[in-house]
Amino acid sequence: MYESLLKEQLYGSAKQATRRWWVRPVLRKRETDGAFSKLVQDLEKQDPQWYFEYLRMTPTKFKELLAIVKSKIEKKHTNWRRPISAATRLALTIRHLATGESKRSLSYQYLIGRSTVTLIVAETTEAIWTSMKSQCLKPPTQSTFQTIADKFMRRWDFPNCIGAIDGKYIRLRCPENSGSTYFCHKRFFSVVLMAVVDADYKFQFVDVGAEGSAGDSSIFARSSFGCAILNETIETPEPKPIPNGTILPHVFVADEAFPLKMNIMRPFPGGLSVADRQKRVYNYRLSRARLVVENAFGILAARWRIFNSPINCKVETVDSIVKACCCLHNFVLSENSQYCPINFVDAQSGNREIIPGAWRTMVSDNWLQRQQRQGANNFAVTPMTIRTKFLEYFNSGQGALPWQEEYLFG
C-alpha cells in the first residue's frame, strides 16, 4: 500500500485526467469568427492592398494556389466534426510564412488549437513544395538559358552568363540532440539554402537542408544541381562568341567561396581592392552580375518574414518551409508588380552607382551576412584561361563600360 502511494506521489496517478471538453467552446466559432472567415473575406471584398500585405498575393493568385494544393491538404468530412477547410489551412500557413508570427498567436486568430497549427504548417508547406516544384522550379532548357544570358547581357553587361550562385544561412532553433552539427561560424544554428538565380530574380535551382557547419563549396558539390554543373552534365547552350568575337562557354557567376570551373566564374582574390587594375575591373563586373542572387535572397526575406528570426520547427519542417517560400517567390513574382516594385531591388543611378533596394531596410542583419570560404579551391589551367578572356573583354574597347575606370579609380 505504501509503495503504491509513494509511486503515485513520485510519478503521478496512472489514471488520465478527465478532459474538460473535446473541443474548446471558442474554437467551435472558427467558421464564423476565425480570421479566415472574417478578416480575410473582408479584405478581399473591401481592401485589395491590405489583402496583398496580409497574404503577399492577390485573391486571384491565392485561389490559383489553392486549386494547385487543395487535393493534398483537404481532409475528409466525418460524422464527428467538420474538418478545417483547405482554404483556411493555406491562409494560415501563408500568414505564418509572411510574418513569422508564433503558432500560439495564429492559434488565437484562426481559432485552431496550437498543436493543430503546427501540424497544418508542416503539411501545407510540404504540399506547396511537392505540388509546385515542377511548375515554379522547372529545370531550364537550352532555349531558356539563352534567354537568361540575353537578359544578363542587357541589364548587367556580362556576356554568356546564365545564372548567379550563392548560399544563405537559414536560422533555426537548436534541433534536439544535434550537438554542433547545425552551428555555423556566425554563432547560431542554421541550415543552408543554396540556389541559382536568373536575371529576373527567380530561383532556377534550390538545395535546402545542409547543416550550417558545412561550407558553400562542399554543399554545392553535394547538391544535385551542383553535381550537374560541376560535371558539365547540365544542358547549357553551346559556346558562343561574345561581342569582341572570342568564343566562350556559357557560365554561372559566383563568389570566392566557389571553385573556378569551365562553367563557373569567380573573382580574383582581393575583391575590389586587388592591386592589378584589370583584375579589379573584372571583379567589379562580376560583382555587378552577382547582384541578382543577393537581391533574390533579399526579396525572399523581405516578403517572407519568417526568415528574420530563428525558425522554431523540426529540421524537416524548416526544409519544407524554405522550399515552399522559394516556390511562392517564383509563383508571385511572375505576375505581380506589387511583390517586387521598381525601387525594391538594387538599381543603377544616372552616374552608374548602385542604389540599394528597399528590401535592405526590411531584413535583419543576420540575413545579410555572407558565408565564409571553406577549404581550398583548386582549378585547372583551362578555367583560368576562360576567366582571362573575360578579363580581357571587360578591359577592351568593345567590352569596357564608359564609366568603369572613373568609378573604380576616380
Protein backbone atom coordinates (compact mmCIF):
# COMPACT_ATOMS: atom_id res chain seq x y z
CA MET A 1 0.00 0.00 0.00
CA TYR A 2 2.74 2.41 1.00
CA GLU A 3 4.70 1.51 -2.11
CA SER A 4 1.73 2.34 -4.35
CA LEU A 5 1.18 5.67 -2.59
CA LEU A 6 4.87 6.52 -2.93
CA LYS A 7 4.82 5.70 -6.66
CA GLU A 8 1.72 7.84 -7.11
CA GLN A 9 3.41 10.81 -5.40
CA LEU A 10 6.59 10.39 -7.44
CA TYR A 11 5.14 9.59 -10.86
CA GLY A 12 1.53 10.74 -10.64
CA SER A 13 -1.63 8.74 -10.84
CA ALA A 14 -1.92 6.14 -13.56
CA LYS A 15 -5.39 7.41 -14.31
CA GLN A 16 -5.56 10.04 -17.02
CA ALA A 17 -7.08 13.38 -16.14
CA THR A 18 -10.63 13.76 -17.43
CA ARG A 19 -10.81 16.23 -20.31
CA ARG A 20 -12.93 19.26 -19.61
CA TRP A 21 -14.16 19.27 -23.22
CA TRP A 22 -13.42 17.56 -26.51
CA VAL A 23 -13.04 20.88 -28.32
CA ARG A 24 -12.70 24.24 -26.60
CA PRO A 25 -16.01 26.08 -26.96
CA VAL A 26 -14.37 29.14 -28.52
CA LEU A 27 -12.84 27.00 -31.27
CA ARG A 28 -16.33 25.95 -32.37
CA LYS A 29 -16.76 29.51 -33.67
CA ARG A 30 -13.95 29.10 -36.23
CA GLU A 31 -16.24 29.13 -39.26
CA THR A 32 -17.93 32.35 -38.20
CA ASP A 33 -15.36 34.27 -36.14
CA GLY A 34 -11.96 32.91 -37.26
CA ALA A 35 -9.51 35.15 -39.11
CA PHE A 36 -10.09 33.44 -42.45
CA SER A 37 -13.89 33.58 -42.18
CA LYS A 38 -14.00 37.27 -41.21
CA LEU A 39 -10.81 39.27 -41.77
CA VAL A 40 -9.58 37.61 -44.95
CA GLN A 41 -13.01 37.70 -46.57
CA ASP A 42 -13.49 41.37 -45.65
CA LEU A 43 -10.07 42.28 -47.04
CA GLU A 44 -10.83 40.51 -50.30
CA LYS A 45 -14.07 42.46 -50.74
CA GLN A 46 -13.04 45.86 -49.38
CA ASP A 47 -9.26 46.35 -49.41
CA PRO A 48 -7.11 44.56 -52.04
CA GLN A 49 -3.96 46.38 -50.90
CA TRP A 50 -4.24 45.12 -47.33
CA TYR A 51 -5.15 41.67 -48.64
CA PHE A 52 -1.87 41.63 -50.54
CA GLU A 53 0.07 42.79 -47.48
CA TYR A 54 -1.66 40.13 -45.39
CA LEU A 55 -1.05 37.14 -47.71
CA ARG A 56 1.65 38.50 -50.07
CA MET A 57 -0.52 37.79 -53.09
CA THR A 58 -3.75 38.87 -54.74
CA PRO A 59 -7.04 36.99 -54.20
CA THR A 60 -6.71 35.61 -57.73
CA LYS A 61 -3.25 34.17 -57.06
CA PHE A 62 -4.42 32.75 -53.72
CA LYS A 63 -7.29 30.92 -55.40
CA GLU A 64 -4.94 29.67 -58.11
CA LEU A 65 -2.55 28.40 -55.44
CA LEU A 66 -5.41 26.78 -53.53
CA ALA A 67 -6.52 24.91 -56.65
CA ILE A 68 -2.98 23.52 -57.03
CA VAL A 69 -2.52 22.26 -53.44
CA LYS A 70 -6.11 21.57 -52.36
CA SER A 71 -6.06 17.83 -53.06
CA LYS A 72 -3.02 17.39 -50.80
CA ILE A 73 -4.27 19.38 -47.78
CA GLU A 74 -8.03 18.81 -47.81
CA LYS A 75 -9.34 16.47 -45.10
CA LYS A 76 -12.39 14.20 -45.26
CA HIS A 77 -15.66 15.04 -43.51
CA THR A 78 -16.61 12.71 -40.67
CA ASN A 79 -19.69 12.17 -38.51
CA TRP A 80 -17.84 13.62 -35.53
CA ARG A 81 -16.94 17.10 -36.78
CA ARG A 82 -16.26 19.21 -39.84
CA PRO A 83 -12.60 19.40 -40.91
CA ILE A 84 -10.66 22.64 -41.15
CA SER A 85 -11.08 23.79 -44.75
CA ALA A 86 -8.20 23.65 -47.23
CA ALA A 87 -8.51 27.44 -47.75
CA THR A 88 -8.15 28.09 -44.02
CA ARG A 89 -5.14 25.77 -43.82
CA LEU A 90 -3.46 27.51 -46.74
CA ALA A 91 -4.20 31.05 -45.49
CA LEU A 92 -2.88 30.24 -42.01
CA THR A 93 0.33 28.79 -43.46
CA ILE A 94 0.88 31.70 -45.84
CA ARG A 95 0.35 34.15 -42.97
CA HIS A 96 2.90 32.27 -40.86
CA LEU A 97 5.46 32.41 -43.67
CA ALA A 98 4.72 36.07 -44.46
CA THR A 99 5.12 37.32 -40.89
CA GLY A 100 6.86 34.69 -38.80
CA GLU A 101 4.07 35.02 -36.23
CA SER A 102 4.15 32.44 -33.48
CA LYS A 103 1.90 29.42 -33.73
CA ARG A 104 0.23 30.44 -30.48
CA SER A 105 -0.69 33.83 -31.97
CA LEU A 106 -2.08 32.18 -35.11
CA SER A 107 -3.99 29.74 -32.91
CA TYR A 108 -5.85 32.64 -31.31
CA GLN A 109 -6.51 34.40 -34.62
CA TYR A 110 -7.73 31.40 -36.59
CA LEU A 111 -9.40 29.66 -33.62
CA ILE A 112 -7.40 26.48 -34.14
CA GLY A 113 -5.55 24.50 -31.48
CA ARG A 114 -1.83 25.23 -31.28
CA SER A 115 -0.75 21.62 -31.92
CA THR A 116 -3.05 21.56 -34.94
CA VAL A 117 -1.46 24.77 -36.24
CA THR A 118 1.96 23.11 -36.04
CA LEU A 119 0.69 20.13 -38.00
CA ILE A 120 -1.03 22.33 -40.60
CA VAL A 121 2.14 24.35 -41.28
CA ALA A 122 4.22 21.18 -41.74
CA GLU A 123 1.70 19.50 -44.03
CA THR A 124 0.87 22.57 -46.11
CA THR A 125 4.46 23.70 -46.75
CA GLU A 126 5.33 20.18 -47.88
CA ALA A 127 2.25 20.18 -50.13
CA ILE A 128 3.25 23.53 -51.66
CA TRP A 129 6.71 22.18 -52.46
CA THR A 130 5.62 18.83 -53.91
CA SER A 131 2.77 20.38 -55.93
CA MET A 132 4.63 23.40 -57.30
CA LYS A 133 8.29 22.47 -57.75
CA SER A 134 7.71 21.14 -61.26
CA GLN A 135 5.92 24.37 -62.21
CA CYS A 136 7.91 27.04 -60.34
CA LEU A 137 11.37 25.44 -60.38
CA LYS A 138 11.33 23.72 -63.72
CA PRO A 139 14.90 22.98 -64.92
CA PRO A 140 15.83 25.46 -67.67
CA THR A 141 16.20 24.26 -71.24
CA GLN A 142 18.90 25.47 -73.63
CA SER A 143 16.41 27.98 -75.01
CA THR A 144 15.59 29.24 -71.50
CA PHE A 145 19.28 29.56 -70.66
CA GLN A 146 19.83 31.60 -73.83
CA THR A 147 17.03 33.98 -72.82
CA ILE A 148 18.62 34.35 -69.38
CA ALA A 149 22.01 35.07 -70.97
CA ASP A 150 20.49 37.78 -73.16
CA LYS A 151 18.97 39.46 -70.10
CA PHE A 152 22.23 39.35 -68.14
CA MET A 153 23.99 41.00 -71.05
CA ARG A 154 21.33 43.65 -71.50
CA ARG A 155 20.94 44.51 -67.81
CA TRP A 156 24.38 43.81 -66.28
CA ASP A 157 26.76 43.85 -69.28
CA PHE A 158 28.05 40.34 -68.62
CA PRO A 159 28.04 38.13 -71.77
CA ASN A 160 27.21 34.40 -71.77
CA CYS A 161 26.05 34.47 -68.13
CA ILE A 162 23.22 32.01 -67.38
CA GLY A 163 22.82 32.37 -63.61
CA ALA A 164 24.29 33.51 -60.28
CA ILE A 165 25.10 31.04 -57.49
CA ASP A 166 25.15 31.70 -53.75
CA GLY A 167 24.12 30.29 -50.37
CA LYS A 168 22.36 31.70 -47.30
CA TYR A 169 22.11 30.62 -43.69
CA ILE A 170 18.55 29.96 -42.52
CA ARG A 171 18.46 30.42 -38.74
CA LEU A 172 16.61 27.87 -36.64
CA ARG A 173 16.21 26.90 -33.01
CA CYS A 174 18.75 24.32 -31.90
CA PRO A 175 17.49 20.90 -33.04
CA GLU A 176 17.28 18.23 -30.35
CA ASN A 177 20.37 16.08 -29.82
CA SER A 178 22.17 17.78 -32.72
CA GLY A 179 25.28 18.95 -30.86
CA SER A 180 27.21 21.41 -33.01
CA THR A 181 26.09 19.90 -36.34
CA TYR A 182 23.91 22.89 -37.25
CA PHE A 183 26.06 25.52 -35.50
CA CYS A 184 27.68 27.83 -38.07
CA HIS A 185 30.70 30.13 -37.77
CA LYS A 186 28.35 33.10 -37.24
CA ARG A 187 27.48 31.53 -33.89
CA PHE A 188 23.88 30.50 -34.48
CA PHE A 189 22.14 27.28 -35.53
CA SER A 190 21.19 27.05 -39.18
CA VAL A 191 20.61 25.09 -42.34
CA VAL A 192 21.82 26.35 -45.70
CA LEU A 193 19.79 27.44 -48.72
CA MET A 194 21.91 27.02 -51.86
CA ALA A 195 20.46 28.50 -55.03
CA VAL A 196 21.00 29.53 -58.63
CA VAL A 197 19.13 32.70 -59.65
CA ASP A 198 18.32 34.08 -63.12
CA ALA A 199 18.34 37.69 -64.31
CA ASP A 200 14.71 38.20 -63.18
CA TYR A 201 15.50 37.37 -59.50
CA LYS A 202 13.83 33.97 -59.84
CA PHE A 203 15.24 30.77 -58.43
CA GLN A 204 16.29 28.24 -61.07
CA PHE A 205 17.62 25.57 -58.70
CA VAL A 206 17.49 25.28 -54.89
CA ASP A 207 19.01 22.88 -52.39
CA VAL A 208 17.97 23.08 -48.73
CA GLY A 209 18.87 21.22 -45.57
CA ALA A 210 22.66 21.10 -45.42
CA GLU A 211 23.95 21.68 -41.90
CA GLY A 212 25.15 25.19 -41.04
CA SER A 213 28.61 23.90 -40.11
CA ALA A 214 29.28 22.98 -43.76
CA GLY A 215 30.63 25.43 -46.35
CA ASP A 216 29.32 26.80 -49.64
CA SER A 217 31.61 24.79 -51.91
CA SER A 218 31.05 21.43 -50.18
CA ILE A 219 27.26 21.93 -50.02
CA PHE A 220 27.23 22.97 -53.66
CA ALA A 221 29.27 19.92 -54.70
CA ARG A 222 26.86 17.57 -52.87
CA SER A 223 23.67 19.10 -54.29
CA SER A 224 22.04 17.58 -57.35
CA PHE A 225 22.30 20.73 -59.45
CA GLY A 226 25.83 21.36 -58.16
CA CYS A 227 26.91 17.93 -59.36
CA ALA A 228 25.30 18.59 -62.73
CA ILE A 229 27.09 21.94 -63.09
CA LEU A 230 30.48 20.66 -61.90
CA ASN A 231 30.29 17.54 -64.06
CA GLU A 232 29.02 19.62 -67.00
CA THR A 233 26.01 17.36 -67.49
CA ILE A 234 23.54 20.24 -67.33
CA GLU A 235 22.09 21.24 -70.71
CA THR A 236 23.59 24.67 -71.32
CA PRO A 237 23.80 26.39 -74.72
CA GLU A 238 26.82 25.78 -76.92
CA PRO A 239 29.80 28.18 -76.58
CA LYS A 240 29.04 31.45 -78.29
CA PRO A 241 31.08 34.47 -79.44
CA ILE A 242 30.99 37.43 -77.07
CA PRO A 243 30.89 40.93 -78.64
CA ASN A 244 34.66 41.03 -79.34
CA GLY A 245 34.42 37.77 -81.31
CA THR A 246 36.01 35.47 -78.72
CA ILE A 247 34.12 32.19 -78.41
CA LEU A 248 33.44 31.42 -74.74
CA PRO A 249 31.24 28.92 -72.89
CA HIS A 250 28.12 29.95 -71.01
CA VAL A 251 28.92 30.37 -67.33
CA PHE A 252 27.46 30.85 -63.88
CA VAL A 253 28.89 33.62 -61.70
CA ALA A 254 29.76 33.05 -58.05
CA ASP A 255 31.79 34.50 -55.20
CA GLU A 256 35.17 33.37 -53.86
CA ALA A 257 33.61 30.51 -51.83
CA PHE A 258 33.05 28.52 -55.03
CA PRO A 259 35.57 26.81 -57.31
CA LEU A 260 36.71 28.22 -60.63
CA LYS A 261 35.47 25.85 -63.33
CA MET A 262 34.85 25.81 -67.05
CA ASN A 263 31.27 26.93 -66.39
CA ILE A 264 31.73 28.84 -63.10
CA MET A 265 33.44 32.22 -62.95
CA ARG A 266 34.61 33.55 -59.58
CA PRO A 267 36.56 36.73 -58.70
CA PHE A 268 40.29 37.09 -58.42
CA PRO A 269 41.48 37.13 -54.77
CA GLY A 270 41.31 40.60 -53.24
CA GLY A 271 37.89 41.73 -54.47
CA LEU A 272 37.66 45.40 -55.49
CA SER A 273 40.86 46.19 -53.58
CA VAL A 274 43.08 43.95 -55.74
CA ALA A 275 46.15 45.87 -56.90
CA ASP A 276 46.01 44.83 -60.56
CA ARG A 277 43.70 47.31 -62.35
CA GLN A 278 42.45 44.85 -64.95
CA LYS A 279 41.63 42.23 -62.32
CA ARG A 280 39.84 44.91 -60.32
CA VAL A 281 37.68 45.75 -63.34
CA TYR A 282 36.89 42.06 -63.84
CA ASN A 283 35.91 41.66 -60.17
CA TYR A 284 33.68 44.71 -60.40
CA ARG A 285 31.89 43.46 -63.48
CA LEU A 286 31.43 40.03 -61.90
CA SER A 287 30.06 41.57 -58.69
CA ARG A 288 27.51 43.58 -60.72
CA ALA A 289 26.20 40.39 -62.33
CA ARG A 290 26.08 38.66 -58.94
CA LEU A 291 23.75 41.34 -57.56
CA VAL A 292 20.79 39.34 -58.86
CA VAL A 293 21.29 36.49 -56.39
CA GLU A 294 21.83 38.86 -53.47
CA ASN A 295 18.65 40.71 -54.41
CA ALA A 296 16.68 37.48 -54.86
CA PHE A 297 17.60 36.44 -51.32
CA GLY A 298 16.73 39.94 -50.12
CA ILE A 299 13.28 39.93 -51.75
CA LEU A 300 12.66 36.45 -50.30
CA ALA A 301 13.46 37.59 -46.74
CA ALA A 302 11.59 40.89 -47.05
CA ARG A 303 8.38 39.27 -48.30
CA TRP A 304 8.54 36.09 -46.21
CA ARG A 305 9.48 37.46 -42.81
CA ILE A 306 9.72 34.06 -41.18
CA PHE A 307 13.41 34.24 -42.19
CA ASN A 308 14.07 37.28 -39.99
CA SER A 309 14.17 35.26 -36.77
CA PRO A 310 15.12 31.68 -35.85
CA ILE A 311 12.51 29.23 -37.13
CA ASN A 312 11.07 27.20 -34.27
CA CYS A 313 10.27 23.90 -36.05
CA LYS A 314 11.72 20.48 -36.64
CA VAL A 315 14.53 20.45 -39.18
CA GLU A 316 12.34 18.56 -41.68
CA THR A 317 9.67 21.26 -41.42
CA VAL A 318 12.27 24.01 -41.78
CA ASP A 319 13.39 22.41 -45.04
CA SER A 320 9.78 22.33 -46.28
CA ILE A 321 9.24 25.96 -45.24
CA VAL A 322 12.31 27.19 -47.14
CA LYS A 323 11.48 25.24 -50.30
CA ALA A 324 7.84 26.35 -50.14
CA CYS A 325 8.91 30.00 -49.85
CA CYS A 326 11.18 29.66 -52.89
CA CYS A 327 8.24 28.26 -54.89
CA LEU A 328 5.93 31.02 -53.65
CA HIS A 329 8.55 33.65 -54.50
CA ASN A 330 8.68 32.50 -58.13
CA PHE A 331 4.91 31.97 -58.25
CA VAL A 332 4.01 35.51 -57.12
CA LEU A 333 6.94 37.32 -58.77
CA SER A 334 5.87 36.08 -62.20
CA GLU A 335 2.74 38.21 -62.46
CA ASN A 336 2.60 40.73 -59.63
CA SER A 337 4.45 44.05 -59.63
CA GLN A 338 3.40 44.69 -56.01
CA TYR A 339 5.59 41.83 -54.88
CA CYS A 340 8.73 43.45 -56.29
CA PRO A 341 8.19 47.12 -57.28
CA ILE A 342 10.90 49.02 -59.14
CA ASN A 343 12.59 50.53 -56.07
CA PHE A 344 12.53 47.24 -54.18
CA VAL A 345 15.76 45.89 -55.74
CA ASP A 346 19.20 47.42 -56.26
CA ALA A 347 19.29 49.74 -59.28
CA GLN A 348 21.83 51.75 -61.22
CA SER A 349 21.73 55.55 -60.98
CA GLY A 350 22.48 58.01 -63.79
CA ASN A 351 26.14 58.17 -62.72
CA ARG A 352 26.26 54.35 -62.60
CA GLU A 353 26.37 53.99 -58.83
CA ILE A 354 24.34 51.18 -57.32
CA ILE A 355 21.28 52.44 -55.39
CA PRO A 356 20.38 50.00 -52.58
CA GLY A 357 16.93 48.46 -52.92
CA ALA A 358 14.18 48.94 -50.32
CA TRP A 359 14.42 45.28 -49.25
CA ARG A 360 17.72 46.08 -47.47
CA THR A 361 15.84 48.11 -44.84
CA MET A 362 13.36 45.29 -44.22
CA VAL A 363 15.59 42.34 -43.33
CA SER A 364 17.71 41.54 -40.29
CA ASP A 365 21.49 41.96 -40.24
CA ASN A 366 21.94 38.20 -39.84
CA TRP A 367 20.30 37.65 -43.22
CA LEU A 368 22.83 39.95 -44.87
CA GLN A 369 25.82 38.03 -43.52
CA ARG A 370 27.68 36.08 -46.17
CA GLN A 371 29.01 32.57 -45.86
CA GLN A 372 32.69 32.05 -45.35
CA ARG A 373 35.04 30.37 -47.75
CA GLN A 374 35.56 26.71 -46.87
CA GLY A 375 38.63 24.77 -47.95
CA ALA A 376 40.89 25.12 -50.96
CA ASN A 377 39.60 25.82 -54.47
CA ASN A 378 41.96 24.10 -56.89
CA PHE A 379 41.41 24.53 -60.60
CA ALA A 380 42.94 23.66 -63.90
CA VAL A 381 44.52 25.96 -66.45
CA THR A 382 41.53 25.92 -68.81
CA PRO A 383 39.11 27.69 -66.42
CA MET A 384 41.83 30.27 -65.72
CA THR A 385 42.14 30.87 -69.45
CA ILE A 386 38.40 31.43 -69.77
CA ARG A 387 38.48 33.89 -66.87
CA THR A 388 41.38 35.71 -68.52
CA LYS A 389 39.37 36.01 -71.73
CA PHE A 390 36.51 37.62 -69.81
CA LEU A 391 39.05 39.93 -68.12
CA GLU A 392 40.45 40.97 -71.49
CA TYR A 393 36.97 41.66 -72.84
CA PHE A 394 35.94 43.81 -69.85
CA ASN A 395 39.11 45.88 -70.29
CA SER A 396 38.88 46.18 -74.09
CA GLY A 397 37.37 48.95 -76.16
CA GLN A 398 34.44 46.69 -77.09
CA GLY A 399 33.67 45.43 -73.60
CA ALA A 400 34.64 48.27 -71.25
CA LEU A 401 31.83 50.37 -69.82
CA PRO A 402 32.35 54.12 -70.46
CA TRP A 403 32.35 54.95 -66.77
CA GLN A 404 34.04 51.93 -65.15
CA GLU A 405 37.54 53.46 -64.96
CA GLU A 406 36.30 56.65 -63.34
CA TYR A 407 34.04 54.72 -60.96
CA LEU A 408 36.81 52.37 -59.79
CA PHE A 409 39.89 54.59 -59.92
CA GLY A 410 38.47 58.13 -59.69
